[in-house]
């Protein structure tokens, strides 16, 4: 079994397709009148048009992000690894992304990690060649939290 895709319900399908393709670099894979599949290499988010008219409610400050990420159940954010936080943030802000939590250093207090060979997994187990990771949080047009992490 593999995790095939992540589904996100959005208030405006066309606007969200634009944000995820133009700002985050995804490519439209397929689209219907009610949903769209995007891809970035083999990562597959599915955007589904909400059937009720809702106003997006992005968090307005770091405390709102903290509350959503650590005090709610369910999918709380999407995490994107970047090679250079400064360059990534500059690009995302230039394209309309709104930084909610500016970059900060996180020195993880890891209680358990296995040794792995795969680069993606290895970088997620512990900081490589440094003591900390850089993290920042943005929101998409519907307030879905997008975590950038420089590992």
C-alpha atoms as a PDB file:
ATOM      1  CA  UNK A   1       0.000   0.000   0.000  1.00  0.00           C
ATOM      2  CA  UNK A   2       1.197   3.544  -0.737  1.00  0.00           C
ATOM      3  CA  UNK A   3      -0.256   6.932   0.115  1.00  0.00           C
ATOM      4  CA  UNK A   4      -1.590   7.873  -3.314  1.00  0.00           C
ATOM      5  CA  UNK A   5      -2.852  11.419  -2.860  1.00  0.00           C
ATOM      6  CA  UNK A   6      -3.991  14.067  -0.381  1.00  0.00           C
ATOM      7  CA  UNK A   7      -7.418  15.645  -0.883  1.00  0.00           C
ATOM      8  CA  UNK A   8      -8.013  19.332  -0.198  1.00  0.00           C
ATOM      9  CA  UNK A   9     -11.465  20.920  -0.347  1.00  0.00           C
ATOM     10  CA  UNK A  10     -11.191  24.460  -1.704  1.00  0.00           C
ATOM     11  CA  UNK A  11     -13.640  27.361  -2.028  1.00  0.00           C
ATOM     12  CA  UNK A  12     -12.665  28.270  -5.611  1.00  0.00           C
ATOM     13  CA  UNK A  13     -11.234  25.463  -7.735  1.00  0.00           C
ATOM     14  CA  UNK A  14      -9.806  27.684 -10.493  1.00  0.00           C
ATOM     15  CA  UNK A  15      -8.137  30.070  -8.025  1.00  0.00           C
ATOM     16  CA  UNK A  16      -6.581  27.153  -6.129  1.00  0.00           C
ATOM     17  CA  UNK A  17      -5.334  25.524  -9.334  1.00  0.00           C
ATOM     18  CA  UNK A  18      -3.655  28.841 -10.150  1.00  0.00           C
ATOM     19  CA  UNK A  19      -2.089  29.122  -6.706  1.00  0.00           C
ATOM     20  CA  UNK A  20      -0.739  25.578  -6.584  1.00  0.00           C
ATOM     21  CA  UNK A  21       0.601  25.695 -10.154  1.00  0.00           C
ATOM     22  CA  UNK A  22       1.908  29.275 -10.346  1.00  0.00           C
ATOM     23  CA  UNK A  23       3.090  29.724  -6.762  1.00  0.00           C
ATOM     24  CA  UNK A  24       4.089  26.208  -5.662  1.00  0.00           C
ATOM     25  CA  UNK A  25       5.169  24.747  -9.013  1.00  0.00           C
ATOM     26  CA  UNK A  26       2.653  21.923  -9.377  1.00  0.00           C
ATOM     27  CA  UNK A  27       1.390  20.908 -12.828  1.00  0.00           C
ATOM     28  CA  UNK A  28      -2.254  20.229 -13.632  1.00  0.00           C
ATOM     29  CA  UNK A  29      -2.613  16.496 -14.288  1.00  0.00           C
ATOM     30  CA  UNK A  30      -6.359  16.331 -14.935  1.00  0.00           C
ATOM     31  CA  UNK A  31      -9.480  18.372 -14.201  1.00  0.00           C
ATOM     32  CA  UNK A  32     -13.227  17.863 -14.044  1.00  0.00           C
ATOM     33  CA  UNK A  33     -15.939  20.373 -13.159  1.00  0.00           C
ATOM     34  CA  UNK A  34     -15.651  19.392  -9.487  1.00  0.00           C
ATOM     35  CA  UNK A  35     -12.020  18.450  -8.899  1.00  0.00           C
ATOM     36  CA  UNK A  36      -8.473  18.568 -10.190  1.00  0.00           C
ATOM     37  CA  UNK A  37      -5.397  16.430  -9.695  1.00  0.00           C
ATOM     38  CA  UNK A  38      -2.066  18.209  -9.646  1.00  0.00           C
ATOM     39  CA  UNK A  39       1.396  16.722  -9.527  1.00  0.00           C
ATOM     40  CA  UNK A  40       4.912  17.664  -8.575  1.00  0.00           C
ATOM     41  CA  UNK A  41       7.023  14.688  -9.575  1.00  0.00           C
ATOM     42  CA  UNK A  42       5.044  11.843  -7.947  1.00  0.00           C
ATOM     43  CA  UNK A  43       3.242  13.964  -5.328  1.00  0.00           C
ATOM     44  CA  UNK A  44      -0.521  14.117  -6.005  1.00  0.00           C
ATOM     45  CA  UNK A  45      -2.791  16.626  -4.281  1.00  0.00           C
ATOM     46  CA  UNK A  46      -6.447  16.488  -5.302  1.00  0.00           C
ATOM     47  CA  UNK A  47      -8.325  19.793  -5.155  1.00  0.00           C
ATOM     48  CA  UNK A  48     -12.087  19.389  -4.737  1.00  0.00           C
ATOM     49  CA  UNK A  49     -14.571  22.243  -5.156  1.00  0.00           C
ATOM     50  CA  UNK A  50     -16.547  22.832  -1.955  1.00  0.00           C
ATOM     51  CA  UNK A  51     -20.286  22.387  -2.531  1.00  0.00           C
ATOM     52  CA  UNK A  52     -21.198  25.128  -0.070  1.00  0.00           C
ATOM     53  CA  UNK A  53     -20.230  28.756  -0.421  1.00  0.00           C
ATOM     54  CA  UNK A  54     -17.630  29.422   2.251  1.00  0.00           C
ATOM     55  CA  UNK A  55     -15.361  32.331   2.971  1.00  0.00           C
ATOM     56  CA  UNK A  56     -11.702  31.359   3.278  1.00  0.00           C
ATOM     57  CA  UNK A  57     -10.335  31.940   6.767  1.00  0.00           C
ATOM     58  CA  UNK A  58      -6.546  32.042   6.700  1.00  0.00           C
ATOM     59  CA  UNK A  59      -4.853  32.327  10.062  1.00  0.00           C
ATOM     60  CA  UNK A  60      -3.560  35.832  10.559  1.00  0.00           C
ATOM     61  CA  UNK A  61      -0.670  35.243  12.932  1.00  0.00           C
ATOM     62  CA  UNK A  62       1.809  32.620  14.165  1.00  0.00           C
ATOM     63  CA  UNK A  63      -0.387  31.853  17.190  1.00  0.00           C
ATOM     64  CA  UNK A  64      -3.255  30.907  14.850  1.00  0.00           C
ATOM     65  CA  UNK A  65      -0.920  28.536  13.001  1.00  0.00           C
ATOM     66  CA  UNK A  66       0.332  27.045  16.251  1.00  0.00           C
ATOM     67  CA  UNK A  67      -3.224  26.474  17.399  1.00  0.00           C
ATOM     68  CA  UNK A  68      -4.274  24.756  14.204  1.00  0.00           C
ATOM     69  CA  UNK A  69      -1.163  22.573  13.968  1.00  0.00           C
ATOM     70  CA  UNK A  70      -1.136  21.439  17.588  1.00  0.00           C
ATOM     71  CA  UNK A  71      -4.698  21.730  18.861  1.00  0.00           C
ATOM     72  CA  UNK A  72      -6.805  20.280  16.062  1.00  0.00           C
ATOM     73  CA  UNK A  73      -7.140  16.769  14.730  1.00  0.00           C
ATOM     74  CA  UNK A  74      -7.085  15.832  11.066  1.00  0.00           C
ATOM     75  CA  UNK A  75      -4.761  17.037   8.347  1.00  0.00           C
ATOM     76  CA  UNK A  76      -3.365  20.306   9.673  1.00  0.00           C
ATOM     77  CA  UNK A  77      -0.841  21.323   7.011  1.00  0.00           C
ATOM     78  CA  UNK A  78       1.141  20.327   3.941  1.00  0.00           C
ATOM     79  CA  UNK A  79       4.916  20.263   4.333  1.00  0.00           C
ATOM     80  CA  UNK A  80       7.296  21.186   1.514  1.00  0.00           C
ATOM     81  CA  UNK A  81      11.049  20.724   1.778  1.00  0.00           C
ATOM     82  CA  UNK A  82      13.075  23.555   0.253  1.00  0.00           C
ATOM     83  CA  UNK A  83      16.817  23.750  -0.321  1.00  0.00           C
ATOM     84  CA  UNK A  84      17.106  27.445   0.539  1.00  0.00           C
ATOM     85  CA  UNK A  85      14.471  29.089   2.760  1.00  0.00           C
ATOM     86  CA  UNK A  86      15.349  32.656   1.761  1.00  0.00           C
ATOM     87  CA  UNK A  87      15.121  31.982  -1.957  1.00  0.00           C
ATOM     88  CA  UNK A  88      11.890  29.980  -1.573  1.00  0.00           C
ATOM     89  CA  UNK A  89      10.192  32.658   0.543  1.00  0.00           C
ATOM     90  CA  UNK A  90      11.261  35.455  -1.787  1.00  0.00           C
ATOM     91  CA  UNK A  91       9.767  33.598  -4.756  1.00  0.00           C
ATOM     92  CA  UNK A  92       6.543  32.644  -2.962  1.00  0.00           C
ATOM     93  CA  UNK A  93       5.965  36.174  -1.647  1.00  0.00           C
ATOM     94  CA  UNK A  94       6.671  37.657  -5.093  1.00  0.00           C
ATOM     95  CA  UNK A  95       3.978  35.336  -6.508  1.00  0.00           C
ATOM     96  CA  UNK A  96       1.391  36.282  -3.886  1.00  0.00           C
ATOM     97  CA  UNK A  97       2.081  33.893  -1.023  1.00  0.00           C
ATOM     98  CA  UNK A  98       1.487  35.321   2.441  1.00  0.00           C
ATOM     99  CA  UNK A  99       3.934  34.391   5.179  1.00  0.00           C
ATOM    100  CA  UNK A 100       2.086  33.652   8.411  1.00  0.00           C
ATOM    101  CA  UNK A 101       5.016  32.470  10.534  1.00  0.00           C
ATOM    102  CA  UNK A 102       8.398  33.894   9.499  1.00  0.00           C
ATOM    103  CA  UNK A 103      11.363  31.500   9.327  1.00  0.00           C
ATOM    104  CA  UNK A 104      12.688  30.216  12.617  1.00  0.00           C
ATOM    105  CA  UNK A 105      15.200  27.592  13.712  1.00  0.00           C
ATOM    106  CA  UNK A 106      13.870  24.359  15.208  1.00  0.00           C
ATOM    107  CA  UNK A 107      16.286  22.140  17.076  1.00  0.00           C
ATOM    108  CA  UNK A 108      14.255  18.930  17.335  1.00  0.00           C
ATOM    109  CA  UNK A 109      14.211  16.898  20.526  1.00  0.00           C
ATOM    110  CA  UNK A 110      14.176  13.513  18.775  1.00  0.00           C
ATOM    111  CA  UNK A 111      13.225  10.556  20.943  1.00  0.00           C
ATOM    112  CA  UNK A 112      13.400   7.859  18.263  1.00  0.00           C
ATOM    113  CA  UNK A 113      14.699   7.611  14.709  1.00  0.00           C
ATOM    114  CA  UNK A 114      15.854   4.730  12.529  1.00  0.00           C
ATOM    115  CA  UNK A 115      18.817   4.662  10.170  1.00  0.00           C
ATOM    116  CA  UNK A 116      17.647   4.842   6.566  1.00  0.00           C
ATOM    117  CA  UNK A 117      19.317   5.207   3.184  1.00  0.00           C
ATOM    118  CA  UNK A 118      16.604   7.057   1.233  1.00  0.00           C
ATOM    119  CA  UNK A 119      17.467  10.772   1.127  1.00  0.00           C
ATOM    120  CA  UNK A 120      13.913  12.000   1.760  1.00  0.00           C
ATOM    121  CA  UNK A 121      13.543   9.781   4.819  1.00  0.00           C
ATOM    122  CA  UNK A 122      17.056  10.442   6.103  1.00  0.00           C
ATOM    123  CA  UNK A 123      16.500  14.201   6.078  1.00  0.00           C
ATOM    124  CA  UNK A 124      13.263  13.730   8.035  1.00  0.00           C
ATOM    125  CA  UNK A 125      14.913  11.704  10.814  1.00  0.00           C
ATOM    126  CA  UNK A 126      17.364  14.356  12.035  1.00  0.00           C
ATOM    127  CA  UNK A 127      19.173  17.486  10.902  1.00  0.00           C
ATOM    128  CA  UNK A 128      22.005  16.510   8.560  1.00  0.00           C
ATOM    129  CA  UNK A 129      25.206  18.510   8.982  1.00  0.00           C
ATOM    130  CA  UNK A 130      23.554  20.998  11.342  1.00  0.00           C
ATOM    131  CA  UNK A 131      21.749  21.158  14.686  1.00  0.00           C
ATOM    132  CA  UNK A 132      18.426  22.545  13.483  1.00  0.00           C
ATOM    133  CA  UNK A 133      15.959  22.923  10.632  1.00  0.00           C
ATOM    134  CA  UNK A 134      14.513  26.209   9.331  1.00  0.00           C
ATOM    135  CA  UNK A 135      10.726  26.358   9.223  1.00  0.00           C
ATOM    136  CA  UNK A 136       8.232  28.945   7.930  1.00  0.00           C
ATOM    137  CA  UNK A 137       4.474  28.760   7.409  1.00  0.00           C
ATOM    138  CA  UNK A 138       2.362  30.255   4.632  1.00  0.00           C
ATOM    139  CA  UNK A 139      -1.324  29.904   3.831  1.00  0.00           C
ATOM    140  CA  UNK A 140      -2.993  29.144   0.522  1.00  0.00           C
ATOM    141  CA  UNK A 141      -6.031  31.221  -0.557  1.00  0.00           C
ATOM    142  CA  UNK A 142      -8.339  29.062   1.609  1.00  0.00           C
ATOM    143  CA  UNK A 143      -6.143  29.224   4.683  1.00  0.00           C
ATOM    144  CA  UNK A 144      -4.681  25.745   4.259  1.00  0.00           C
ATOM    145  CA  UNK A 145      -1.343  25.877   6.031  1.00  0.00           C
ATOM    146  CA  UNK A 146       1.780  25.245   3.973  1.00  0.00           C
ATOM    147  CA  UNK A 147       4.923  24.551   5.968  1.00  0.00           C
ATOM    148  CA  UNK A 148       8.276  25.165   4.314  1.00  0.00           C
ATOM    149  CA  UNK A 149      11.137  23.290   5.897  1.00  0.00           C
ATOM    150  CA  UNK A 150      14.809  23.589   5.033  1.00  0.00           C
ATOM    151  CA  UNK A 151      16.339  20.286   6.118  1.00  0.00           C
END
